[in-house]
Amino acid sequence: MTSVTPFHQGDCVTLVSDSHTYQVVGIDDSHNRCWVRRWPLARHGCPVFEISLQQLEGHQATTPAN
């Protein structure tokens, strides 16, 4: 089954509620949810939290480091 969401794991996104950048960690299309964390990562990591896909706004695909 193909994902219908325009977002993918690893994408950098903004949220409807604020302008910070977040990274998509996981997506659950069947429940319309995803998990994100603040980007760039803090030195000791960033907590992951669950939100509705409707809370995601603009996005930019991340590119792997060379």
N, C-alpha and C. Protein backbone atom coordinates (compact mmCIF):
# COMPACT_ATOMS: atom_id res chain seq x y z
N MET A 1 0.84 -1.18 0.00
CA MET A 1 0.00 0.00 0.00
C MET A 1 0.89 1.25 0.00
N THR A 2 0.60 2.21 -0.83
CA THR A 2 1.39 3.43 -0.95
C THR A 2 0.87 4.48 0.02
N SER A 3 1.81 5.22 0.63
CA SER A 3 1.45 6.28 1.56
C SER A 3 0.76 7.42 0.82
N VAL A 4 -0.30 7.97 1.41
CA VAL A 4 -1.03 9.06 0.79
C VAL A 4 -0.60 10.41 1.36
N THR A 5 0.19 10.42 2.42
CA THR A 5 0.63 11.66 3.02
C THR A 5 1.76 12.27 2.19
N PRO A 6 1.80 13.60 2.07
CA PRO A 6 2.89 14.23 1.33
C PRO A 6 4.18 14.28 2.15
N PHE A 7 4.12 13.86 3.40
CA PHE A 7 5.30 13.89 4.27
C PHE A 7 5.92 12.51 4.36
N HIS A 8 7.24 12.50 4.56
CA HIS A 8 7.98 11.25 4.65
C HIS A 8 8.93 11.31 5.83
N GLN A 9 9.30 10.15 6.33
CA GLN A 9 10.26 10.07 7.42
C GLN A 9 11.54 10.80 7.00
N GLY A 10 12.03 11.67 7.87
CA GLY A 10 13.24 12.43 7.58
C GLY A 10 13.00 13.83 7.06
N ASP A 11 11.76 14.11 6.60
CA ASP A 11 11.44 15.46 6.12
C ASP A 11 11.55 16.47 7.26
N CYS A 12 11.97 17.68 6.93
CA CYS A 12 11.94 18.79 7.86
C CYS A 12 10.67 19.58 7.59
N VAL A 13 9.93 19.87 8.66
CA VAL A 13 8.62 20.51 8.53
C VAL A 13 8.49 21.65 9.54
N THR A 14 7.50 22.49 9.32
CA THR A 14 7.07 23.45 10.33
C THR A 14 5.67 23.04 10.76
N LEU A 15 5.27 23.53 11.91
CA LEU A 15 3.95 23.23 12.43
C LEU A 15 3.04 24.42 12.25
N VAL A 16 1.75 24.16 12.18
CA VAL A 16 0.77 25.23 12.07
C VAL A 16 0.89 26.17 13.27
N SER A 17 1.22 25.62 14.43
CA SER A 17 1.24 26.39 15.68
C SER A 17 2.52 27.17 15.95
N ASP A 18 3.62 26.89 15.26
CA ASP A 18 4.84 27.68 15.46
C ASP A 18 5.76 27.58 14.24
N SER A 19 6.80 28.39 14.23
CA SER A 19 7.65 28.49 13.04
C SER A 19 8.97 27.73 13.17
N HIS A 20 9.18 27.00 14.28
CA HIS A 20 10.41 26.22 14.42
C HIS A 20 10.41 25.06 13.41
N THR A 21 11.57 24.55 13.15
CA THR A 21 11.71 23.41 12.23
C THR A 21 11.74 22.12 13.05
N TYR A 22 11.04 21.11 12.53
CA TYR A 22 10.97 19.79 13.16
C TYR A 22 11.28 18.74 12.12
N GLN A 23 11.78 17.59 12.58
CA GLN A 23 12.05 16.46 11.68
C GLN A 23 11.01 15.38 11.92
N VAL A 24 10.45 14.85 10.83
CA VAL A 24 9.49 13.76 10.93
C VAL A 24 10.26 12.47 11.25
N VAL A 25 9.92 11.85 12.37
CA VAL A 25 10.59 10.62 12.82
C VAL A 25 9.81 9.39 12.37
N GLY A 26 8.50 9.49 12.36
CA GLY A 26 7.66 8.37 11.95
C GLY A 26 6.26 8.85 11.58
N ILE A 27 5.57 8.06 10.77
CA ILE A 27 4.22 8.41 10.30
C ILE A 27 3.32 7.20 10.43
N ASP A 28 2.11 7.44 10.93
CA ASP A 28 1.08 6.40 11.01
C ASP A 28 -0.13 6.89 10.21
N ASP A 29 -0.13 6.60 8.91
CA ASP A 29 -1.21 7.05 8.02
C ASP A 29 -2.58 6.54 8.46
N SER A 30 -2.63 5.32 8.96
CA SER A 30 -3.93 4.74 9.31
C SER A 30 -4.60 5.46 10.48
N HIS A 31 -3.81 6.13 11.31
CA HIS A 31 -4.37 6.88 12.44
C HIS A 31 -4.17 8.38 12.28
N ASN A 32 -3.65 8.80 11.12
CA ASN A 32 -3.48 10.22 10.81
C ASN A 32 -2.59 10.93 11.83
N ARG A 33 -1.53 10.25 12.29
CA ARG A 33 -0.61 10.77 13.31
C ARG A 33 0.82 10.69 12.81
N CYS A 34 1.69 11.48 13.44
CA CYS A 34 3.11 11.35 13.15
C CYS A 34 3.90 11.74 14.40
N TRP A 35 5.18 11.43 14.38
CA TRP A 35 6.08 11.76 15.48
C TRP A 35 7.16 12.67 14.93
N VAL A 36 7.42 13.74 15.64
CA VAL A 36 8.41 14.73 15.21
C VAL A 36 9.34 15.09 16.37
N ARG A 37 10.48 15.68 16.03
CA ARG A 37 11.40 16.22 17.03
C ARG A 37 11.99 17.52 16.49
N ARG A 38 12.39 18.38 17.36
CA ARG A 38 12.95 19.67 16.99
C ARG A 38 14.21 19.47 16.16
N TRP A 39 14.39 20.30 15.15
CA TRP A 39 15.56 20.21 14.27
C TRP A 39 16.19 21.58 14.15
N PRO A 40 17.49 21.76 14.19
CA PRO A 40 18.48 20.69 14.34
C PRO A 40 18.48 20.12 15.76
N LEU A 41 19.02 18.93 15.88
CA LEU A 41 19.05 18.27 17.18
C LEU A 41 19.93 19.04 18.15
N ALA A 42 19.51 19.08 19.41
CA ALA A 42 20.32 19.65 20.47
C ALA A 42 21.45 18.68 20.79
N ARG A 43 22.44 19.16 21.47
CA ARG A 43 23.61 18.34 21.80
C ARG A 43 23.23 17.01 22.48
N HIS A 44 22.24 17.04 23.34
CA HIS A 44 21.84 15.83 24.07
C HIS A 44 20.53 15.25 23.53
N GLY A 45 20.22 15.56 22.27
CA GLY A 45 19.02 15.03 21.65
C GLY A 45 17.80 15.91 21.90
N CYS A 46 16.72 15.57 21.28
CA CYS A 46 15.46 16.30 21.41
C CYS A 46 14.34 15.30 21.62
N PRO A 47 13.40 15.62 22.51
CA PRO A 47 12.30 14.69 22.72
C PRO A 47 11.42 14.56 21.48
N VAL A 48 10.89 13.38 21.30
CA VAL A 48 9.98 13.10 20.19
C VAL A 48 8.56 13.23 20.72
N PHE A 49 7.67 13.85 19.94
CA PHE A 49 6.28 13.93 20.36
C PHE A 49 5.36 13.63 19.20
N GLU A 50 4.16 13.18 19.55
CA GLU A 50 3.16 12.76 18.57
C GLU A 50 2.20 13.91 18.30
N ILE A 51 1.88 14.12 17.02
CA ILE A 51 0.91 15.14 16.62
C ILE A 51 0.08 14.63 15.45
N SER A 52 -0.99 15.32 15.17
CA SER A 52 -1.84 15.01 14.03
C SER A 52 -1.15 15.47 12.74
N LEU A 53 -1.35 14.74 11.66
CA LEU A 53 -0.78 15.16 10.37
C LEU A 53 -1.30 16.53 9.94
N GLN A 54 -2.49 16.91 10.40
CA GLN A 54 -3.04 18.23 10.05
C GLN A 54 -2.25 19.37 10.68
N GLN A 55 -1.43 19.07 11.70
CA GLN A 55 -0.62 20.10 12.35
C GLN A 55 0.66 20.41 11.58
N LEU A 56 0.98 19.59 10.57
CA LEU A 56 2.17 19.83 9.76
C LEU A 56 1.86 20.84 8.68
N GLU A 57 2.80 21.73 8.47
CA GLU A 57 2.61 22.77 7.45
C GLU A 57 3.62 22.52 6.33
N GLY A 58 4.42 23.50 6.01
CA GLY A 58 5.39 23.36 4.94
C GLY A 58 6.45 22.33 5.26
N HIS A 59 7.09 21.82 4.23
CA HIS A 59 8.16 20.86 4.47
C HIS A 59 9.21 20.92 3.38
N GLN A 60 10.36 20.39 3.74
CA GLN A 60 11.48 20.30 2.82
C GLN A 60 12.16 18.96 3.08
N ALA A 61 12.34 18.18 2.04
CA ALA A 61 13.00 16.88 2.20
C ALA A 61 14.44 17.11 2.61
N THR A 62 14.91 16.31 3.55
CA THR A 62 16.30 16.40 3.97
C THR A 62 17.17 15.68 2.96
N THR A 63 18.40 16.10 2.85
CA THR A 63 19.34 15.44 1.96
C THR A 63 20.41 14.76 2.79
N PRO A 64 20.81 13.57 2.43
CA PRO A 64 21.83 12.86 3.21
C PRO A 64 23.17 13.58 3.14
N ALA A 65 23.92 13.50 4.23
CA ALA A 65 25.27 14.10 4.25
C ALA A 65 26.19 13.29 3.36
N ASN A 66 27.10 13.98 2.69
CA ASN A 66 28.05 13.28 1.81
C ASN A 66 29.27 12.86 2.55
